[in-house]
Amino acid sequence: ASLLFIIVTFPFSIWFCIKVVQEYERVIIFRLGHLLPGRAKGPGLFFFLPCLDTYHKVDLRLQTLEIPFHEVVTKDMFIMEIDAICYYRMENASLLLNSLAHVPRAVQFLVQTTMKRLLAHRSLTEILLERKSIAQDIKVALDSVTCIWGIKVERTEIKDVRLPAGLQHSLAVEAEAQRQAKVRVIAAEGEAAASEALSRAAEILAGAPAAAQLRYLHSLQALATHKPSTVVLPLPFDLLNFLSSSGSRTQGSLPFPNPSKSVEPPNPKKQDSPML
């Protein structure tokens, strides 16, 4: 009767039997309650019979679902609140309409239960530092379930993590202690490297007295340049040699050169004069 009515009222009835589907949409047609075989219709024009067929449009564009905060117990028995964002799209329109009634609600509950199950095997430190890998694991776990429903999970992201106030204070104290320990280790390594460099420099200067004098003059010049208000009274190396020879010289001290005094080779023919 429906086909006869369409034929009798042609071409006016054709305007009621043709619909347009957008590029990002697909149409599922049910005839007398039964799903028509074949793939979903669209995009473009599709034909259906009035009074016999009913059609449903499915949007294939990427959907965004925000997962609200929910409690999660970690491996080291910490209780925290976490929220996330899930990106998914409809992959199989026919399977989706026959599988789910409320798609966002089903995906939300699935994401929450999956996150609780996966994060229960990870410690608090791993959750805070390895968000990217955890999000990838959640995406793979979700995709293995939603493929049965005709949904493709594109991406999941952990948005925020809430910790109790007492736990935040404990973590801050622990992090500060770790930073202080690292500072002490770096300072100790710097002191060790500086002492080794000074030891090598002392050995080099001990073998070259002229280098010690040049270094002495360079230090005086640098001091006078950086601090103009400081008055520098340099002492001659002869006076320093006299003071160092008269006092007790400690082991490892540098000899001060005396450029005015020349060293004479020993003369066996010359005898020491008697002391008066």
Protein backbone atom coordinates (compact mmCIF):
# COMPACT_ATOMS: atom_id res chain seq x y z
CA ALA A 1 0.00 0.00 0.00
CA SER A 2 2.86 2.37 0.80
CA LEU A 3 4.56 1.65 -2.52
CA LEU A 4 1.25 2.02 -4.37
CA PHE A 5 0.61 5.35 -2.70
CA ILE A 6 4.10 6.59 -3.70
CA ILE A 7 3.56 5.51 -7.31
CA VAL A 8 0.13 7.10 -7.56
CA THR A 9 1.23 10.41 -6.07
CA PHE A 10 4.50 10.55 -8.02
CA PRO A 11 6.32 12.98 -8.46
CA PHE A 12 4.97 14.81 -5.38
CA SER A 13 5.68 11.88 -3.06
CA ILE A 14 9.34 11.78 -3.99
CA TRP A 15 9.97 14.85 -1.84
CA PHE A 16 8.85 12.89 1.23
CA CYS A 17 10.93 9.80 0.41
CA ILE A 18 14.38 11.39 -0.05
CA LYS A 19 16.56 12.84 2.69
CA VAL A 20 20.06 14.32 2.77
CA VAL A 21 22.87 13.15 5.07
CA GLN A 22 25.90 15.31 5.82
CA GLU A 23 29.47 14.17 5.25
CA TYR A 24 30.06 13.52 8.96
CA GLU A 25 26.76 11.64 9.49
CA ARG A 26 25.46 8.15 8.79
CA VAL A 27 21.85 6.91 8.76
CA ILE A 28 20.53 3.61 10.07
CA ILE A 29 17.13 2.56 8.64
CA PHE A 30 14.68 0.26 10.43
CA ARG A 31 11.82 -1.23 8.37
CA LEU A 32 8.94 -2.40 10.54
CA GLY A 33 11.38 -2.57 13.46
CA HIS A 34 14.01 -4.66 11.66
CA LEU A 35 17.43 -3.32 10.77
CA LEU A 36 17.93 -3.24 7.04
CA PRO A 37 20.93 -5.32 5.92
CA GLY A 38 23.98 -3.62 4.57
CA ARG A 39 26.06 -0.75 5.76
CA ALA A 40 24.81 2.60 7.02
CA LYS A 41 23.50 5.07 4.46
CA GLY A 42 25.30 8.26 3.60
CA PRO A 43 26.69 10.71 2.99
CA GLY A 44 24.40 12.30 0.39
CA LEU A 45 20.85 11.29 -0.59
CA PHE A 46 19.09 8.20 0.72
CA PHE A 47 15.63 6.77 0.00
CA PHE A 48 13.13 5.42 2.55
CA LEU A 49 9.45 4.49 2.56
CA PRO A 50 7.16 6.65 4.68
CA CYS A 51 4.97 4.85 7.25
CA LEU A 52 7.23 1.78 6.99
CA ASP A 53 10.77 3.00 7.65
CA THR A 54 12.27 4.94 10.53
CA TYR A 55 15.80 6.27 10.37
CA HIS A 56 18.36 7.41 12.98
CA LYS A 57 21.31 9.68 12.33
CA VAL A 58 24.68 8.99 13.97
CA ASP A 59 27.35 11.69 14.24
CA LEU A 60 30.82 10.35 13.37
CA ARG A 61 32.74 13.39 14.55
CA LEU A 62 35.10 13.26 17.52
CA GLN A 63 33.30 13.48 20.84
CA THR A 64 34.75 14.86 24.09
CA LEU A 65 33.72 13.45 27.46
CA GLU A 66 34.90 14.99 30.74
CA ILE A 67 35.23 12.47 33.55
CA PRO A 68 34.42 14.07 36.95
CA PHE A 69 36.59 13.65 40.04
CA HIS A 70 36.43 10.22 41.63
CA GLU A 71 38.47 8.54 44.36
CA VAL A 72 41.34 6.20 43.51
CA VAL A 73 43.41 4.07 45.91
CA THR A 74 47.05 3.72 44.84
CA LYS A 75 49.40 0.79 45.32
CA ASP A 76 50.98 2.37 48.42
CA MET A 77 47.50 2.88 49.97
CA PHE A 78 47.11 6.62 49.28
CA ILE A 79 43.60 7.93 48.59
CA MET A 80 43.44 10.58 45.89
CA GLU A 81 40.87 12.18 43.59
CA ILE A 82 41.48 12.25 39.87
CA ASP A 83 39.61 13.43 36.77
CA ALA A 84 40.25 12.85 33.09
CA ILE A 85 39.16 13.63 29.53
CA CYS A 86 38.24 10.98 26.97
CA TYR A 87 38.12 11.54 23.20
CA TYR A 88 36.11 9.00 21.19
CA ARG A 89 34.14 8.69 17.96
CA MET A 90 31.43 6.40 16.57
CA GLU A 91 33.04 3.84 14.29
CA ASN A 92 30.18 1.44 13.54
CA ALA A 93 26.76 3.10 13.57
CA SER A 94 24.74 -0.09 13.17
CA LEU A 95 26.51 -1.88 16.00
CA LEU A 96 26.33 1.19 18.21
CA LEU A 97 22.55 1.60 17.99
CA ASN A 98 22.02 -2.08 18.75
CA SER A 99 24.51 -2.14 21.67
CA LEU A 100 24.13 1.05 23.74
CA ALA A 101 21.27 3.27 24.79
CA HIS A 102 23.24 6.07 26.53
CA VAL A 103 26.69 6.30 24.99
CA PRO A 104 28.25 9.10 27.14
CA ARG A 105 27.08 7.53 30.39
CA ALA A 106 28.41 4.11 29.45
CA VAL A 107 31.79 5.51 28.37
CA GLN A 108 32.06 7.58 31.57
CA PHE A 109 31.48 4.62 33.86
CA LEU A 110 33.86 2.48 31.83
CA VAL A 111 36.63 5.09 32.08
CA GLN A 112 36.19 5.44 35.85
CA THR A 113 36.30 1.72 36.54
CA THR A 114 39.26 1.20 34.21
CA MET A 115 41.24 4.01 35.86
CA LYS A 116 40.56 2.60 39.34
CA ARG A 117 41.69 -0.85 38.23
CA LEU A 118 44.90 0.31 36.53
CA LEU A 119 45.95 2.93 39.09
CA ALA A 120 45.58 0.43 41.93
CA HIS A 121 48.77 -1.23 40.62
CA ARG A 122 50.83 1.98 40.60
CA SER A 123 52.33 4.06 43.39
CA LEU A 124 51.61 7.73 44.00
CA THR A 125 54.99 8.81 42.62
CA GLU A 126 54.43 6.90 39.38
CA ILE A 127 50.99 8.46 38.94
CA LEU A 128 52.39 11.98 39.38
CA LEU A 129 55.41 11.48 37.12
CA GLU A 130 54.21 9.03 34.44
CA ARG A 131 50.89 10.51 33.36
CA LYS A 132 51.58 10.04 29.67
CA SER A 133 52.28 6.32 29.88
CA ILE A 134 49.35 5.78 32.26
CA ALA A 135 47.00 7.60 29.88
CA GLN A 136 48.21 5.38 27.02
CA ASP A 137 47.56 2.24 29.08
CA ILE A 138 44.05 3.48 29.91
CA LYS A 139 43.38 4.19 26.23
CA VAL A 140 44.43 0.67 25.19
CA ALA A 141 42.29 -0.90 27.94
CA LEU A 142 39.26 1.17 26.96
CA ASP A 143 39.65 0.49 23.25
CA SER A 144 39.64 -3.26 23.83
CA VAL A 145 36.13 -2.97 25.32
CA THR A 146 34.56 -0.18 23.25
CA CYS A 147 35.43 -1.86 19.93
CA ILE A 148 32.65 -4.35 20.74
CA TRP A 149 30.19 -1.44 20.99
CA GLY A 150 31.29 0.21 17.74
CA ILE A 151 33.20 3.05 19.46
CA LYS A 152 36.83 3.99 18.83
CA VAL A 153 38.71 5.65 21.73
CA GLU A 154 41.18 8.10 20.22
CA ARG A 155 42.85 9.51 23.33
CA THR A 156 42.60 9.79 27.11
CA GLU A 157 44.29 12.38 29.31
CA ILE A 158 44.58 12.70 33.10
CA LYS A 159 43.46 16.26 33.72
CA ASP A 160 44.09 16.91 37.42
CA VAL A 161 45.03 15.10 40.64
CA ARG A 162 43.79 16.17 44.06
CA LEU A 163 45.68 15.15 47.18
CA PRO A 164 44.68 15.63 50.85
CA ALA A 165 46.17 18.66 52.61
CA GLY A 166 48.25 16.57 55.01
CA LEU A 167 49.63 14.47 52.18
CA GLN A 168 50.57 17.58 50.19
CA HIS A 169 52.52 18.95 53.18
CA SER A 170 54.34 15.62 53.62
CA LEU A 171 55.26 15.48 49.94
CA ALA A 172 56.50 19.09 50.04
CA VAL A 173 58.72 18.36 53.07
CA GLU A 174 60.07 15.22 51.43
CA ALA A 175 60.83 17.07 48.18
CA GLU A 176 62.57 19.88 50.07
CA ALA A 177 64.73 17.36 51.94
CA GLN A 178 65.70 15.71 48.66
CA ARG A 179 66.63 19.08 47.14
CA GLN A 180 68.78 19.96 50.16
CA ALA A 181 70.54 16.61 49.93
CA LYS A 182 71.27 17.18 46.25
CA VAL A 183 72.63 20.67 47.03
CA ARG A 184 75.00 19.23 49.64
CA VAL A 185 76.21 16.53 47.27
CA ILE A 186 76.84 19.06 44.49
CA ALA A 187 78.70 21.38 46.91
CA ALA A 188 80.86 18.51 48.15
CA GLU A 189 81.69 17.49 44.57
CA GLY A 190 82.61 21.11 43.80
CA GLU A 191 84.91 21.30 46.82
CA ALA A 192 86.61 18.04 45.82
CA ALA A 193 87.14 19.27 42.25
CA ALA A 194 88.45 22.65 43.51
CA SER A 195 90.91 20.98 45.89
CA GLU A 196 92.23 18.75 43.11
CA ALA A 197 92.65 21.76 40.82
CA LEU A 198 94.46 23.72 43.53
CA SER A 199 96.76 20.77 44.20
CA ARG A 200 97.69 20.52 40.52
CA ALA A 201 98.19 24.30 40.35
CA ALA A 202 100.46 24.21 43.40
CA GLU A 203 102.61 21.50 41.79
CA ILE A 204 102.89 23.53 38.58
CA LEU A 205 103.77 26.77 40.40
CA ALA A 206 106.32 24.97 42.57
CA GLY A 207 108.19 23.92 39.42
CA ALA A 208 108.09 27.43 37.89
CA PRO A 209 108.84 30.26 40.39
CA ALA A 210 108.41 32.93 37.70
CA ALA A 211 104.82 31.76 37.19
CA ALA A 212 104.13 32.29 40.89
CA GLN A 213 105.33 35.89 40.62
CA LEU A 214 103.18 36.52 37.54
CA ARG A 215 100.19 35.02 39.30
CA TYR A 216 100.83 37.25 42.29
CA LEU A 217 100.88 40.37 40.13
CA HIS A 218 97.76 39.28 38.25
CA SER A 219 95.85 38.81 41.51
CA LEU A 220 96.86 42.32 42.63
CA GLN A 221 95.69 43.76 39.33
CA ALA A 222 92.34 41.96 39.52
CA LEU A 223 91.82 43.12 43.10
CA ALA A 224 92.53 46.74 42.18
CA THR A 225 90.20 46.55 39.14
CA HIS A 226 87.16 45.01 40.84
CA LYS A 227 87.42 47.00 44.05
CA PRO A 228 88.68 50.52 43.26
CA SER A 229 88.07 51.72 46.82
CA THR A 230 90.53 49.15 48.18
CA VAL A 231 94.10 50.30 48.72
CA VAL A 232 96.61 47.62 47.72
CA LEU A 233 100.19 47.77 49.05
CA PRO A 234 102.15 45.08 47.25
CA LEU A 235 105.10 43.56 49.08
CA PRO A 236 108.25 42.81 47.11
CA PHE A 237 109.17 39.20 46.68
CA ASP A 238 112.56 39.83 48.36
CA LEU A 239 110.81 40.76 51.59
CA LEU A 240 108.53 37.76 51.29
CA ASN A 241 111.55 35.50 50.77
CA PHE A 242 113.22 36.99 53.82
CA LEU A 243 110.12 36.46 55.98
CA SER A 244 109.60 32.94 54.70
CA SER A 245 113.27 31.99 55.29
CA SER A 246 113.34 33.45 58.80
CA GLY A 247 110.11 31.69 59.92
CA SER A 248 109.35 28.03 59.90
CA ARG A 249 108.23 27.00 56.45
CA THR A 250 105.37 24.54 56.39
CA GLN A 251 105.38 21.50 54.12
CA GLY A 252 103.99 22.17 50.66
CA SER A 253 104.56 25.97 50.67
CA LEU A 254 105.68 27.60 47.46
CA PRO A 255 109.18 29.12 47.18
CA PHE A 256 109.13 32.79 46.24
CA PRO A 257 111.56 33.71 43.43
CA ASN A 258 114.20 36.40 43.89
CA PRO A 259 115.04 37.79 40.50
CA SER A 260 117.81 40.12 41.86
CA LYS A 261 119.77 37.27 43.38
CA SER A 262 121.63 35.04 40.96
CA VAL A 263 122.61 31.52 41.82
CA GLU A 264 126.40 30.93 41.42
CA PRO A 265 127.76 27.50 40.62
CA PRO A 266 129.87 25.92 43.34
CA ASN A 267 133.65 26.62 43.05
CA PRO A 268 135.79 23.93 44.67
CA LYS A 269 138.90 26.17 44.57
CA LYS A 270 137.27 28.90 46.55
CA GLN A 271 137.57 28.34 50.28
CA ASP A 272 135.24 29.75 52.81
CA SER A 273 136.58 32.78 54.59
CA PRO A 274 136.87 32.49 58.39
CA MET A 275 134.05 34.04 60.27
CA LEU A 276 134.85 37.05 62.46
